[in-house]
Amino acid sequence: MSLQPNYLIYPTLLDSFQNYLRSDEIYDTYFGSSENPKYTLEEFEQKSFQDLIDRINRIPFESEAADKGTAFNEVIDCLIENRKPRADMEFHSDRKRGVIVAKFKGYTFEFPLRICLEMRDYLKGALTQVRVSAPLATKYGLVELYGFADELLPMKVVDIKTTSRYYAFKFKNNMQHLVYPYCLIESGDLVNEFEYYVTNFKDIWSEVYVFDYERDVPILTDVTENFIEFLEENRDLITNTRIFNE
């Protein structure tokens, strides 16, 4: 009989936790040079804490930027698979203006056709939205790590990112490039390369990480255990008991 995990965790939660721990650094990046910042440091740290709790509890939130990223990802998947969009989205191509128009959640987004086709060609043959999972042993018991890889190529996982501003190694603190290769390797797929494929809808950048099992599993375990400690310390605020596999 296989052991049941004590926790069910996906990488976005670990990313949000890392951002919470780095809230003072993030504050300095966005507000440090402002004479009239939107938040004080204390207010920003509290907001980061509440954002993390809300994400754990799966509280719906409005974000045009997030919805734009979701719509763009679906456009690329549809182009790769030569299929229609999912039921809650509507796409059409305006070749005269050189854009793909996407309607989603009341928003209308326009994506440059050149960028869409370049991404499609680069990701040709990829499997899209592949669910991966694997157990991770921790000092607090077994954890099931799981998630959906945007694009899976024969020897590489690719995650599509959209951003208004890109700088080198922007996603180095993200956990996806640890979680997804770990899950695939534990499942018998020797995929150790992870690429963030990033666009601001004008240019495209590639940010590649190579997973080293001996180096990276201890890092992944340490972050996961720290997150579990946060969960237990704030258990009275958590309504999503699925994370505790309940």
C-alpha atoms as a PDB file:
ATOM      1  CA  MET A   1       0.000   0.000   0.000  1.00  0.00           C
ATOM      2  CA  SER A   2       1.415   3.386  -0.996  1.00  0.00           C
ATOM      3  CA  LEU A   3       1.675   6.078   1.664  1.00  0.00           C
ATOM      4  CA  GLN A   4      -0.791   8.959   1.441  1.00  0.00           C
ATOM      5  CA  PRO A   5       0.790  12.433   1.325  1.00  0.00           C
ATOM      6  CA  ASN A   6       0.304  14.810   4.229  1.00  0.00           C
ATOM      7  CA  TYR A   7       0.327  17.866   1.953  1.00  0.00           C
ATOM      8  CA  LEU A   8      -0.625  18.644  -1.663  1.00  0.00           C
ATOM      9  CA  ILE A   9       1.445  21.542  -3.008  1.00  0.00           C
ATOM     10  CA  TYR A  10       1.875  23.118  -6.445  1.00  0.00           C
ATOM     11  CA  PRO A  11       4.714  25.433  -7.517  1.00  0.00           C
ATOM     12  CA  THR A  12       2.721  28.690  -7.669  1.00  0.00           C
ATOM     13  CA  LEU A  13       2.192  28.388  -3.908  1.00  0.00           C
ATOM     14  CA  LEU A  14       5.927  27.977  -3.368  1.00  0.00           C
ATOM     15  CA  ASP A  15       6.538  31.013  -5.618  1.00  0.00           C
ATOM     16  CA  SER A  16       4.072  33.091  -3.611  1.00  0.00           C
ATOM     17  CA  PHE A  17       5.730  31.962  -0.388  1.00  0.00           C
ATOM     18  CA  GLN A  18       9.169  32.923  -1.719  1.00  0.00           C
ATOM     19  CA  ASN A  19       7.809  36.333  -2.747  1.00  0.00           C
ATOM     20  CA  TYR A  20       6.393  36.802   0.749  1.00  0.00           C
ATOM     21  CA  LEU A  21       9.796  36.037   2.270  1.00  0.00           C
ATOM     22  CA  ARG A  22      11.392  38.505  -0.174  1.00  0.00           C
ATOM     23  CA  SER A  23       8.746  41.205   0.304  1.00  0.00           C
ATOM     24  CA  ASP A  24      11.259  43.788   1.565  1.00  0.00           C
ATOM     25  CA  GLU A  25      13.497  43.180  -1.465  1.00  0.00           C
ATOM     26  CA  ILE A  26      10.533  43.381  -3.849  1.00  0.00           C
ATOM     27  CA  TYR A  27       9.319  46.555  -2.121  1.00  0.00           C
ATOM     28  CA  ASP A  28      12.709  48.157  -2.622  1.00  0.00           C
ATOM     29  CA  THR A  29      12.673  47.244  -6.332  1.00  0.00           C
ATOM     30  CA  TYR A  30       9.275  48.795  -7.022  1.00  0.00           C
ATOM     31  CA  PHE A  31       8.903  51.519  -4.392  1.00  0.00           C
ATOM     32  CA  GLY A  32      12.368  52.148  -2.950  1.00  0.00           C
ATOM     33  CA  SER A  33      13.107  55.204  -5.081  1.00  0.00           C
ATOM     34  CA  SER A  34       9.580  56.646  -4.954  1.00  0.00           C
ATOM     35  CA  GLU A  35       8.982  59.853  -3.006  1.00  0.00           C
ATOM     36  CA  ASN A  36       5.337  58.927  -2.554  1.00  0.00           C
ATOM     37  CA  PRO A  37       5.103  55.094  -2.531  1.00  0.00           C
ATOM     38  CA  LYS A  38       1.729  53.384  -2.830  1.00  0.00           C
ATOM     39  CA  TYR A  39       2.453  51.398   0.363  1.00  0.00           C
ATOM     40  CA  THR A  40       4.724  51.668   3.352  1.00  0.00           C
ATOM     41  CA  LEU A  41       7.063  48.691   3.808  1.00  0.00           C
ATOM     42  CA  GLU A  42       4.915  47.415   6.676  1.00  0.00           C
ATOM     43  CA  GLU A  43       1.741  47.694   4.563  1.00  0.00           C
ATOM     44  CA  PHE A  44       3.424  45.904   1.650  1.00  0.00           C
ATOM     45  CA  GLU A  45       4.601  43.065   3.884  1.00  0.00           C
ATOM     46  CA  GLN A  46       1.061  42.673   5.251  1.00  0.00           C
ATOM     47  CA  LYS A  47      -0.337  42.710   1.722  1.00  0.00           C
ATOM     48  CA  SER A  48       2.159  40.008   0.685  1.00  0.00           C
ATOM     49  CA  PHE A  49       1.091  37.900   3.655  1.00  0.00           C
ATOM     50  CA  GLN A  50      -2.607  38.282   2.833  1.00  0.00           C
ATOM     51  CA  ASP A  51      -2.003  37.601  -0.872  1.00  0.00           C
ATOM     52  CA  LEU A  52      -0.280  34.339   0.080  1.00  0.00           C
ATOM     53  CA  ILE A  53      -3.114  33.298   2.412  1.00  0.00           C
ATOM     54  CA  ASP A  54      -5.684  34.138  -0.290  1.00  0.00           C
ATOM     55  CA  ARG A  55      -3.776  32.090  -2.872  1.00  0.00           C
ATOM     56  CA  ILE A  56      -3.573  29.128  -0.499  1.00  0.00           C
ATOM     57  CA  ASN A  57      -7.331  29.433   0.065  1.00  0.00           C
ATOM     58  CA  ARG A  58      -7.942  29.780  -3.701  1.00  0.00           C
ATOM     59  CA  ILE A  59      -9.753  33.092  -3.266  1.00  0.00           C
ATOM     60  CA  PRO A  60     -10.697  34.397  -6.736  1.00  0.00           C
ATOM     61  CA  PHE A  61      -8.993  37.652  -7.682  1.00  0.00           C
ATOM     62  CA  GLU A  62      -9.179  40.095 -10.564  1.00  0.00           C
ATOM     63  CA  SER A  63      -6.009  40.618 -12.547  1.00  0.00           C
ATOM     64  CA  GLU A  64      -6.033  41.870 -16.106  1.00  0.00           C
ATOM     65  CA  ALA A  65      -2.350  40.982 -16.475  1.00  0.00           C
ATOM     66  CA  ALA A  66      -2.947  37.402 -15.287  1.00  0.00           C
ATOM     67  CA  ASP A  67      -5.980  37.018 -17.577  1.00  0.00           C
ATOM     68  CA  LYS A  68      -3.943  38.366 -20.489  1.00  0.00           C
ATOM     69  CA  GLY A  69      -1.258  35.762 -19.792  1.00  0.00           C
ATOM     70  CA  THR A  70      -3.862  32.989 -19.605  1.00  0.00           C
ATOM     71  CA  ALA A  71      -5.422  34.063 -22.908  1.00  0.00           C
ATOM     72  CA  PHE A  72      -2.042  34.271 -24.621  1.00  0.00           C
ATOM     73  CA  ASN A  73      -1.069  30.826 -23.394  1.00  0.00           C
ATOM     74  CA  GLU A  74      -4.304  29.411 -24.796  1.00  0.00           C
ATOM     75  CA  VAL A  75      -3.653  31.131 -28.148  1.00  0.00           C
ATOM     76  CA  ILE A  76      -0.251  29.435 -28.391  1.00  0.00           C
ATOM     77  CA  ASP A  77      -1.698  26.044 -27.367  1.00  0.00           C
ATOM     78  CA  CYS A  78      -4.417  26.363 -30.010  1.00  0.00           C
ATOM     79  CA  LEU A  79      -1.853  27.198 -32.683  1.00  0.00           C
ATOM     80  CA  ILE A  80       0.346  24.257 -31.668  1.00  0.00           C
ATOM     81  CA  GLU A  81      -2.580  21.825 -31.632  1.00  0.00           C
ATOM     82  CA  ASN A  82      -4.489  23.442 -34.530  1.00  0.00           C
ATOM     83  CA  ARG A  83      -7.717  23.550 -32.514  1.00  0.00           C
ATOM     84  CA  LYS A  84     -10.410  25.951 -31.364  1.00  0.00           C
ATOM     85  CA  PRO A  85     -10.102  27.747 -27.995  1.00  0.00           C
ATOM     86  CA  ARG A  86     -11.737  26.504 -24.843  1.00  0.00           C
ATOM     87  CA  ALA A  87     -15.386  27.388 -24.252  1.00  0.00           C
ATOM     88  CA  ASP A  88     -14.814  30.549 -22.187  1.00  0.00           C
ATOM     89  CA  MET A  89     -12.578  32.225 -24.772  1.00  0.00           C
ATOM     90  CA  GLU A  90     -13.079  33.634 -28.265  1.00  0.00           C
ATOM     91  CA  PHE A  91     -10.290  34.217 -30.790  1.00  0.00           C
ATOM     92  CA  HIS A  92     -10.083  35.608 -34.292  1.00  0.00           C
ATOM     93  CA  SER A  93      -7.210  36.621 -36.533  1.00  0.00           C
ATOM     94  CA  ASP A  94      -7.012  40.126 -38.003  1.00  0.00           C
ATOM     95  CA  ARG A  95      -4.333  39.614 -40.644  1.00  0.00           C
ATOM     96  CA  LYS A  96      -4.715  43.128 -42.024  1.00  0.00           C
ATOM     97  CA  ARG A  97      -3.616  44.557 -38.675  1.00  0.00           C
ATOM     98  CA  GLY A  98      -1.308  41.642 -37.914  1.00  0.00           C
ATOM     99  CA  VAL A  99      -2.907  40.611 -34.608  1.00  0.00           C
ATOM    100  CA  ILE A 100      -4.824  37.787 -32.986  1.00  0.00           C
ATOM    101  CA  VAL A 101      -7.764  39.180 -31.002  1.00  0.00           C
ATOM    102  CA  ALA A 102      -8.722  37.264 -27.852  1.00  0.00           C
ATOM    103  CA  LYS A 103     -11.830  37.857 -25.749  1.00  0.00           C
ATOM    104  CA  PHE A 104     -11.751  36.522 -22.197  1.00  0.00           C
ATOM    105  CA  LYS A 105     -13.508  37.511 -18.962  1.00  0.00           C
ATOM    106  CA  GLY A 106     -14.828  40.733 -20.471  1.00  0.00           C
ATOM    107  CA  TYR A 107     -11.399  41.817 -21.733  1.00  0.00           C
ATOM    108  CA  THR A 108     -10.305  42.133 -25.342  1.00  0.00           C
ATOM    109  CA  PHE A 109      -6.610  41.470 -25.877  1.00  0.00           C
ATOM    110  CA  GLU A 110      -4.610  41.861 -29.074  1.00  0.00           C
ATOM    111  CA  PHE A 111      -1.487  39.752 -29.586  1.00  0.00           C
ATOM    112  CA  PRO A 112       0.967  40.399 -32.433  1.00  0.00           C
ATOM    113  CA  LEU A 113       0.629  37.645 -35.005  1.00  0.00           C
ATOM    114  CA  ARG A 114       4.400  37.662 -35.538  1.00  0.00           C
ATOM    115  CA  ILE A 115       5.058  36.803 -31.877  1.00  0.00           C
ATOM    116  CA  CYS A 116       2.342  34.137 -31.814  1.00  0.00           C
ATOM    117  CA  LEU A 117       3.643  32.387 -34.927  1.00  0.00           C
ATOM    118  CA  GLU A 118       7.264  32.559 -33.759  1.00  0.00           C
ATOM    119  CA  MET A 119       6.299  30.896 -30.482  1.00  0.00           C
ATOM    120  CA  ARG A 120       4.181  28.301 -32.281  1.00  0.00           C
ATOM    121  CA  ASP A 121       7.045  27.399 -34.588  1.00  0.00           C
ATOM    122  CA  TYR A 122       9.520  27.151 -31.706  1.00  0.00           C
ATOM    123  CA  LEU A 123       7.179  24.875 -29.724  1.00  0.00           C
ATOM    124  CA  LYS A 124       6.031  22.755 -32.668  1.00  0.00           C
ATOM    125  CA  GLY A 125       5.215  19.211 -31.565  1.00  0.00           C
ATOM    126  CA  ALA A 126       5.020  20.022 -27.854  1.00  0.00           C
ATOM    127  CA  LEU A 127       2.489  18.403 -25.553  1.00  0.00           C
ATOM    128  CA  THR A 128       0.465  21.164 -23.882  1.00  0.00           C
ATOM    129  CA  GLN A 129      -0.775  21.517 -20.291  1.00  0.00           C
ATOM    130  CA  VAL A 130       0.753  18.241 -19.096  1.00  0.00           C
ATOM    131  CA  ARG A 131      -0.117  17.288 -15.517  1.00  0.00           C
ATOM    132  CA  VAL A 132       2.896  16.096 -13.563  1.00  0.00           C
ATOM    133  CA  SER A 133       3.182  14.924  -9.964  1.00  0.00           C
ATOM    134  CA  ALA A 134       5.594  13.140  -7.660  1.00  0.00           C
ATOM    135  CA  PRO A 135       6.035  12.512  -3.933  1.00  0.00           C
ATOM    136  CA  LEU A 136       8.705  14.404  -2.011  1.00  0.00           C
ATOM    137  CA  ALA A 137       9.941  13.105   1.331  1.00  0.00           C
ATOM    138  CA  THR A 138      10.288  15.791   4.020  1.00  0.00           C
ATOM    139  CA  LYS A 139      10.825  15.840   7.777  1.00  0.00           C
ATOM    140  CA  TYR A 140       7.100  16.640   8.046  1.00  0.00           C
ATOM    141  CA  GLY A 141       6.015  13.620   6.050  1.00  0.00           C
ATOM    142  CA  LEU A 142       5.262  12.960   2.428  1.00  0.00           C
ATOM    143  CA  VAL A 143       4.307  15.843   0.118  1.00  0.00           C
ATOM    144  CA  GLU A 144       2.718  15.441  -3.290  1.00  0.00           C
ATOM    145  CA  LEU A 145       4.117  18.071  -5.628  1.00  0.00           C
ATOM    146  CA  TYR A 146       1.961  18.580  -8.699  1.00  0.00           C
ATOM    147  CA  GLY A 147       1.126  21.018 -11.451  1.00  0.00           C
ATOM    148  CA  PHE A 148       0.586  21.568 -15.161  1.00  0.00           C
ATOM    149  CA  ALA A 149       3.593  22.085 -17.406  1.00  0.00           C
ATOM    150  CA  ASP A 150       2.742  24.559 -20.179  1.00  0.00           C
ATOM    151  CA  GLU A 151       4.647  22.773 -22.934  1.00  0.00           C
ATOM    152  CA  LEU A 152       6.548  19.496 -22.849  1.00  0.00           C
ATOM    153  CA  LEU A 153       9.110  18.838 -25.561  1.00  0.00           C
ATOM    154  CA  PRO A 154      11.092  15.569 -25.814  1.00  0.00           C
ATOM    155  CA  MET A 155      13.955  16.753 -23.584  1.00  0.00           C
ATOM    156  CA  LYS A 156      12.681  20.016 -22.111  1.00  0.00           C
ATOM    157  CA  VAL A 157       9.844  21.679 -20.215  1.00  0.00           C
ATOM    158  CA  VAL A 158       8.887  25.146 -21.464  1.00  0.00           C
ATOM    159  CA  ASP A 159       6.865  27.652 -19.447  1.00  0.00           C
ATOM    160  CA  ILE A 160       5.411  30.618 -21.322  1.00  0.00           C
ATOM    161  CA  LYS A 161       5.703  33.900 -19.450  1.00  0.00           C
ATOM    162  CA  THR A 162       4.312  37.322 -20.335  1.00  0.00           C
ATOM    163  CA  THR A 163       5.693  40.459 -18.749  1.00  0.00           C
ATOM    164  CA  SER A 164       5.661  44.224 -19.181  1.00  0.00           C
ATOM    165  CA  ARG A 165       9.339  44.440 -18.227  1.00  0.00           C
ATOM    166  CA  TYR A 166      12.035  41.797 -18.585  1.00  0.00           C
ATOM    167  CA  TYR A 167      15.553  41.654 -17.150  1.00  0.00           C
ATOM    168  CA  ALA A 168      18.109  38.859 -17.105  1.00  0.00           C
ATOM    169  CA  PHE A 169      17.313  35.888 -14.857  1.00  0.00           C
ATOM    170  CA  LYS A 170      14.002  37.424 -13.827  1.00  0.00           C
ATOM    171  CA  PHE A 171      12.591  34.010 -12.892  1.00  0.00           C
ATOM    172  CA  LYS A 172      15.608  32.578 -11.058  1.00  0.00           C
ATOM    173  CA  ASN A 173      13.698  32.517  -7.749  1.00  0.00           C
ATOM    174  CA  ASN A 174      10.709  30.687  -9.232  1.00  0.00           C
ATOM    175  CA  MET A 175      10.157  27.082  -8.220  1.00  0.00           C
ATOM    176  CA  GLN A 176       8.764  25.730 -11.491  1.00  0.00           C
ATOM    177  CA  HIS A 177      12.232  24.929 -12.834  1.00  0.00           C
ATOM    178  CA  LEU A 178      12.780  22.741  -9.771  1.00  0.00           C
ATOM    179  CA  VAL A 179       9.323  21.211  -9.313  1.00  0.00           C
ATOM    180  CA  TYR A 180       8.550  20.136 -12.889  1.00  0.00           C
ATOM    181  CA  PRO A 181      11.878  18.437 -13.722  1.00  0.00           C
ATOM    182  CA  TYR A 182      11.799  16.723 -10.310  1.00  0.00           C
ATOM    183  CA  CYS A 183       8.292  15.383 -10.945  1.00  0.00           C
ATOM    184  CA  LEU A 184       9.188  14.187 -14.444  1.00  0.00           C
ATOM    185  CA  ILE A 185      12.421  12.499 -13.356  1.00  0.00           C
ATOM    186  CA  GLU A 186      10.671  10.792 -10.435  1.00  0.00           C
ATOM    187  CA  SER A 187       8.047   9.563 -12.917  1.00  0.00           C
ATOM    188  CA  GLY A 188      10.722   8.048 -15.153  1.00  0.00           C
ATOM    189  CA  ASP A 189      11.031  10.823 -17.749  1.00  0.00           C
ATOM    190  CA  LEU A 190      14.631  12.040 -17.867  1.00  0.00           C
ATOM    191  CA  VAL A 191      13.825  15.682 -18.605  1.00  0.00           C
ATOM    192  CA  ASN A 192      16.243  17.959 -16.782  1.00  0.00           C
ATOM    193  CA  GLU A 193      16.077  21.154 -18.857  1.00  0.00           C
ATOM    194  CA  PHE A 194      13.567  23.901 -18.109  1.00  0.00           C
ATOM    195  CA  GLU A 195      13.052  27.022 -20.183  1.00  0.00           C
ATOM    196  CA  TYR A 196      11.073  30.151 -19.405  1.00  0.00           C
ATOM    197  CA  TYR A 197      10.006  31.464 -22.821  1.00  0.00           C
ATOM    198  CA  VAL A 198       9.233  35.106 -22.168  1.00  0.00           C
ATOM    199  CA  THR A 199       7.597  37.864 -24.188  1.00  0.00           C
ATOM    200  CA  ASN A 200       6.501  41.454 -23.692  1.00  0.00           C
ATOM    201  CA  PHE A 201       4.625  41.123 -27.025  1.00  0.00           C
ATOM    202  CA  LYS A 202       7.428  42.966 -28.801  1.00  0.00           C
ATOM    203  CA  ASP A 203      10.421  40.708 -28.168  1.00  0.00           C
ATOM    204  CA  ILE A 204      11.044  37.153 -26.959  1.00  0.00           C
ATOM    205  CA  TRP A 205      13.638  35.997 -24.445  1.00  0.00           C
ATOM    206  CA  SER A 206      14.760  32.569 -23.319  1.00  0.00           C
ATOM    207  CA  GLU A 207      15.796  31.800 -19.742  1.00  0.00           C
ATOM    208  CA  VAL A 208      17.117  28.241 -19.354  1.00  0.00           C
ATOM    209  CA  TYR A 209      17.870  26.225 -16.218  1.00  0.00           C
ATOM    210  CA  VAL A 210      19.339  22.726 -16.035  1.00  0.00           C
ATOM    211  CA  PHE A 211      18.086  20.618 -13.136  1.00  0.00           C
ATOM    212  CA  ASP A 212      20.824  18.919 -11.120  1.00  0.00           C
ATOM    213  CA  TYR A 213      19.246  16.274  -8.890  1.00  0.00           C
ATOM    214  CA  GLU A 214      21.940  16.251  -6.189  1.00  0.00           C
ATOM    215  CA  ARG A 215      22.079  20.043  -5.996  1.00  0.00           C
ATOM    216  CA  ASP A 216      18.425  20.958  -6.474  1.00  0.00           C
ATOM    217  CA  VAL A 217      16.427  18.375  -4.511  1.00  0.00           C
ATOM    218  CA  PRO A 218      17.822  19.647  -1.161  1.00  0.00           C
ATOM    219  CA  ILE A 219      16.878  23.208  -2.193  1.00  0.00           C
ATOM    220  CA  LEU A 220      13.372  22.091  -3.186  1.00  0.00           C
ATOM    221  CA  THR A 221      13.003  20.131   0.063  1.00  0.00           C
ATOM    222  CA  ASP A 222      14.147  23.074   2.194  1.00  0.00           C
ATOM    223  CA  VAL A 223      11.701  25.518   0.568  1.00  0.00           C
ATOM    224  CA  THR A 224       8.867  22.993   0.851  1.00  0.00           C
ATOM    225  CA  GLU A 225       9.578  22.341   4.541  1.00  0.00           C
ATOM    226  CA  ASN A 226       9.686  26.082   5.272  1.00  0.00           C
ATOM    227  CA  PHE A 227       6.349  26.467   3.505  1.00  0.00           C
ATOM    228  CA  ILE A 228       4.861  23.618   5.564  1.00  0.00           C
ATOM    229  CA  GLU A 229       5.967  25.413   8.735  1.00  0.00           C
ATOM    230  CA  PHE A 230       4.169  28.534   7.473  1.00  0.00           C
ATOM    231  CA  LEU A 231       1.032  26.471   6.783  1.00  0.00           C
ATOM    232  CA  GLU A 232       1.006  24.995  10.257  1.00  0.00           C
ATOM    233  CA  GLU A 233       1.710  28.323  11.965  1.00  0.00           C
ATOM    234  CA  ASN A 234      -1.257  29.870  10.123  1.00  0.00           C
ATOM    235  CA  ARG A 235      -3.540  26.842  10.000  1.00  0.00           C
ATOM    236  CA  ASP A 236      -6.380  28.770  11.635  1.00  0.00           C
ATOM    237  CA  LEU A 237      -6.456  31.110   8.582  1.00  0.00           C
ATOM    238  CA  ILE A 238      -6.522  28.338   6.005  1.00  0.00           C
ATOM    239  CA  THR A 239      -9.931  27.236   4.726  1.00  0.00           C
ATOM    240  CA  ASN A 240      -8.643  25.176   1.811  1.00  0.00           C
ATOM    241  CA  THR A 241      -8.082  21.937   3.679  1.00  0.00           C
ATOM    242  CA  ARG A 242      -7.206  20.116   0.455  1.00  0.00           C
ATOM    243  CA  ILE A 243      -3.660  21.421   0.909  1.00  0.00           C
ATOM    244  CA  PHE A 244      -3.524  19.200   4.040  1.00  0.00           C
ATOM    245  CA  ASN A 245      -4.940  16.330   1.939  1.00  0.00           C
ATOM    246  CA  GLU A 246      -8.164  16.443   3.943  1.00  0.00           C
END
